[in-house]
Structure formats: structure tokens, C-alpha cells
Amino acid sequence: MTSSAARLSKIVRLRYPRGIWRRYDQLTRFPAGFLVTGDALCSLSPVHAQGMSVAALEAILLRRLLAEGTQQLAPRFFTAAAGLLRVPWAITRGPGQACAGPRADFSGYLGRLYAAAAGDPVLAAALLRVASLVNPPGELFTDEMRSRVRDGGSAAVS
């Protein structure tokens, strides 16, 4: 069957130079009756595989905001979406950005976390939940997680 197929155009390689977050939340005006979601609002690097998760979270957010009414929907959505996008954007920009704040001294921690997670299924699961946007980055800084990282993943043996 495929022997009769013909190429319609030249093969083109996808080039994804960088993620783009269009900060509609910082606008003072936005056209009434319009809304921007998904990659049109924020396109993330496909390396982290978060685009569909973010789009789904935006859809849930939009549903909640619509239930509250349509007055000033776009500014309300963009403001709330900015909060939602902060973590995946930070993960895309660099691991130190994702957990920035008073709780996080990230220098060196990420490397130790990855190394320990290779031998510790609890750490690996926590890391996967954060990278998949199921849980916030703070989960990686609980006393239990820090202890497992400090022990180099040997906590999995206990």
C-alpha cells in the first residue's frame, strides 16, 4: 500500500530555538471577546514534555473562571495563567529557576537529586511528579527528600 505514496513536499526539520511566554498578563488593555491559550500564550521546550499538561491546566482554569462569569475574563485568565505558568516556565529556563526562593539553595542540589533518584524509586517518583506538573517543586525539598538526597539514594534500601 505505501509503495504508491508520494512525498508532497521537501522534508523539513523542526527547529525549536527557545520557549516563548507572551506576557498578556502585563498588558493594560486587551481586545474584548478574545482569549489566548496554549502555545499561543506560552510555548515550552518539547524536551520537558509539558505543553499538553499546561494546555489542560489552562482549560481547567478557563472553565473555573467562566463559571465565575465573563466580566473581565481575559485579564482574570491571563493573571491566573501567569501563576500557573511560573513553574513550567522556570523548569524550561533552567532547574535552578524552578525552585528559586528562600527554601531553595539549588546549587549542586539538582545534580545530587538526579544521582540519588537513579537508585531511589521514591526520589525518582517525586522528581517525575514535579517535572510532570502534578506536584509543586517544593516536594523535592521536604525533610524526607533532602535526607534521601543526602544519603545518595541509599534510603531506598531501608
Protein backbone atom coordinates (compact mmCIF):
# COMPACT_ATOMS: atom_id res chain seq x y z
CA MET A 1 0.00 0.00 0.00
CA THR A 2 2.70 2.52 0.90
CA SER A 3 4.58 1.88 -2.33
CA SER A 4 2.15 4.17 -4.16
CA ALA A 5 2.56 7.03 -1.68
CA ALA A 6 4.27 10.16 -2.95
CA ARG A 7 6.02 12.87 -0.97
CA LEU A 8 4.12 16.15 -1.23
CA SER A 9 6.99 18.43 -0.27
CA LYS A 10 10.62 18.50 0.77
CA ILE A 11 11.44 17.11 4.19
CA VAL A 12 11.82 19.94 6.67
CA ARG A 13 13.44 19.68 10.07
CA LEU A 14 11.63 21.25 13.01
CA ARG A 15 13.71 23.92 14.67
CA TYR A 16 12.69 24.90 18.16
CA PRO A 17 15.06 27.67 19.18
CA ARG A 18 13.51 28.59 22.52
CA GLY A 19 10.32 28.81 24.50
CA ILE A 20 8.24 31.95 24.34
CA TRP A 21 5.96 33.31 27.05
CA ARG A 22 3.81 36.14 25.76
CA ARG A 23 3.04 38.13 28.90
CA TYR A 24 -0.55 39.14 28.22
CA ASP A 25 -0.96 39.44 31.99
CA GLN A 26 1.21 42.57 31.82
CA LEU A 27 -0.95 44.37 29.24
CA THR A 28 -3.08 47.28 30.31
CA ARG A 29 -5.64 46.56 27.54
CA PHE A 30 -6.70 43.50 25.58
CA PRO A 31 -9.40 43.26 22.87
CA ALA A 32 -12.78 42.25 24.27
CA GLY A 33 -14.11 38.88 23.16
CA PHE A 34 -10.68 37.33 22.57
CA LEU A 35 -8.52 35.00 24.65
CA VAL A 36 -5.15 33.37 24.07
CA THR A 37 -4.31 29.91 25.43
CA GLY A 38 -1.93 27.01 24.88
CA ASP A 39 1.21 27.54 22.84
CA ALA A 40 -0.09 30.91 21.68
CA LEU A 41 0.24 32.07 25.28
CA CYS A 42 3.35 30.14 26.29
CA SER A 43 5.28 27.63 24.22
CA LEU A 44 7.62 25.47 26.23
CA SER A 45 10.54 23.41 25.07
CA PRO A 46 9.28 19.98 23.96
CA VAL A 47 12.23 18.43 25.80
CA HIS A 48 10.28 18.69 29.06
CA ALA A 49 7.02 17.35 27.55
CA GLN A 50 4.86 19.82 29.47
CA GLY A 51 2.94 21.54 26.67
CA MET A 52 -0.18 19.35 26.74
CA SER A 53 -0.23 19.33 30.54
CA VAL A 54 -0.06 23.12 30.61
CA ALA A 55 -2.80 23.39 27.97
CA ALA A 56 -5.02 21.06 30.02
CA LEU A 57 -4.38 23.08 33.18
CA GLU A 58 -5.25 26.26 31.28
CA ALA A 59 -8.51 24.67 30.10
CA ILE A 60 -9.42 23.75 33.68
CA LEU A 61 -8.57 27.29 34.77
CA LEU A 62 -10.70 28.74 31.99
CA ARG A 63 -13.65 26.53 32.96
CA ARG A 64 -13.40 27.74 36.57
CA LEU A 65 -13.18 31.39 35.54
CA LEU A 66 -16.13 31.07 33.14
CA ALA A 67 -18.21 29.65 35.99
CA GLU A 68 -17.49 32.91 37.85
CA GLY A 69 -18.73 34.97 34.89
CA THR A 70 -17.40 36.55 31.73
CA GLN A 71 -16.73 40.06 33.07
CA GLN A 72 -13.06 40.94 32.52
CA LEU A 73 -12.41 37.31 31.56
CA ALA A 74 -9.19 37.92 29.62
CA PRO A 75 -7.38 39.88 32.36
CA ARG A 76 -8.54 37.42 35.02
CA PHE A 77 -7.44 34.47 32.89
CA PHE A 78 -4.04 35.95 31.98
CA THR A 79 -3.29 36.83 35.61
CA ALA A 80 -4.25 33.37 36.85
CA ALA A 81 -2.47 31.67 33.94
CA ALA A 82 0.74 33.55 34.79
CA GLY A 83 0.68 31.88 38.20
CA LEU A 84 0.07 28.52 36.56
CA LEU A 85 2.88 29.03 34.02
CA ARG A 86 5.53 30.13 36.52
CA VAL A 87 6.75 26.61 37.40
CA PRO A 88 6.82 25.01 33.93
CA TRP A 89 8.45 28.15 32.51
CA ALA A 90 11.08 28.08 35.23
CA ILE A 91 11.75 24.38 34.59
CA THR A 92 12.23 25.15 30.90
CA ARG A 93 14.52 28.09 31.65
CA GLY A 94 16.72 26.07 33.96
CA PRO A 95 16.36 23.87 37.02
CA GLY A 96 17.63 26.49 39.45
CA GLN A 97 14.80 28.79 38.39
CA ALA A 98 12.06 26.29 39.20
CA CYS A 99 12.76 26.20 42.91
CA ALA A 100 14.13 29.68 43.45
CA GLY A 101 13.19 31.22 46.73
CA PRO A 102 14.13 31.26 50.38
CA ARG A 103 13.62 27.49 50.77
CA ALA A 104 15.97 26.56 47.97
CA ASP A 105 19.71 26.57 47.80
CA PHE A 106 19.77 24.90 44.44
CA SER A 107 23.48 25.00 43.68
CA GLY A 108 24.56 21.39 43.45
CA TYR A 109 21.29 20.04 44.83
CA LEU A 110 19.85 19.13 41.45
CA GLY A 111 22.87 17.05 40.45
CA ARG A 112 22.77 15.19 43.75
CA LEU A 113 19.00 14.75 43.39
CA TYR A 114 19.30 13.20 39.92
CA ALA A 115 22.13 10.93 41.02
CA ALA A 116 20.24 9.77 44.10
CA ALA A 117 16.98 9.32 42.16
CA ALA A 118 18.70 6.83 39.87
CA GLY A 119 18.82 4.40 42.80
CA ASP A 120 15.84 5.56 44.85
CA PRO A 121 12.32 4.94 43.47
CA VAL A 122 10.76 7.37 45.98
CA LEU A 123 13.03 10.20 44.81
CA ALA A 124 12.53 9.22 41.17
CA ALA A 125 8.74 9.31 41.59
CA ALA A 126 8.86 12.70 43.33
CA LEU A 127 11.08 14.11 40.58
CA LEU A 128 8.72 12.76 37.92
CA ARG A 129 5.66 14.24 39.66
CA VAL A 130 7.32 17.67 39.77
CA ALA A 131 8.55 17.51 36.16
CA SER A 132 5.06 16.37 35.07
CA LEU A 133 3.46 19.34 36.87
CA VAL A 134 1.46 17.10 39.19
CA ASN A 135 3.19 18.40 42.34
CA PRO A 136 4.97 21.68 43.09
CA PRO A 137 8.79 21.85 43.19
CA GLY A 138 8.67 22.24 46.96
CA GLU A 139 8.02 18.50 47.20
CA LEU A 140 11.69 17.97 46.37
CA PHE A 141 12.69 19.94 49.48
CA THR A 142 10.79 18.12 52.21
CA ASP A 143 12.87 16.77 55.07
CA GLU A 144 12.38 13.24 53.74
CA MET A 145 13.52 14.15 50.21
CA ARG A 146 16.56 16.09 51.45
CA SER A 147 17.51 13.16 53.66
CA ARG A 148 17.24 10.77 50.71
CA VAL A 149 19.34 13.07 48.53
CA ARG A 150 21.91 13.47 51.32
CA ASP A 151 22.06 9.67 51.69
CA GLY A 152 22.65 9.36 47.95
CA GLY A 153 19.54 7.32 47.31
CA SER A 154 20.51 4.68 49.84
CA ALA A 155 17.24 5.36 51.65
CA ALA A 156 15.61 3.10 49.06
CA VAL A 157 17.33 0.10 50.61
CA SER A 158 15.86 0.65 54.07
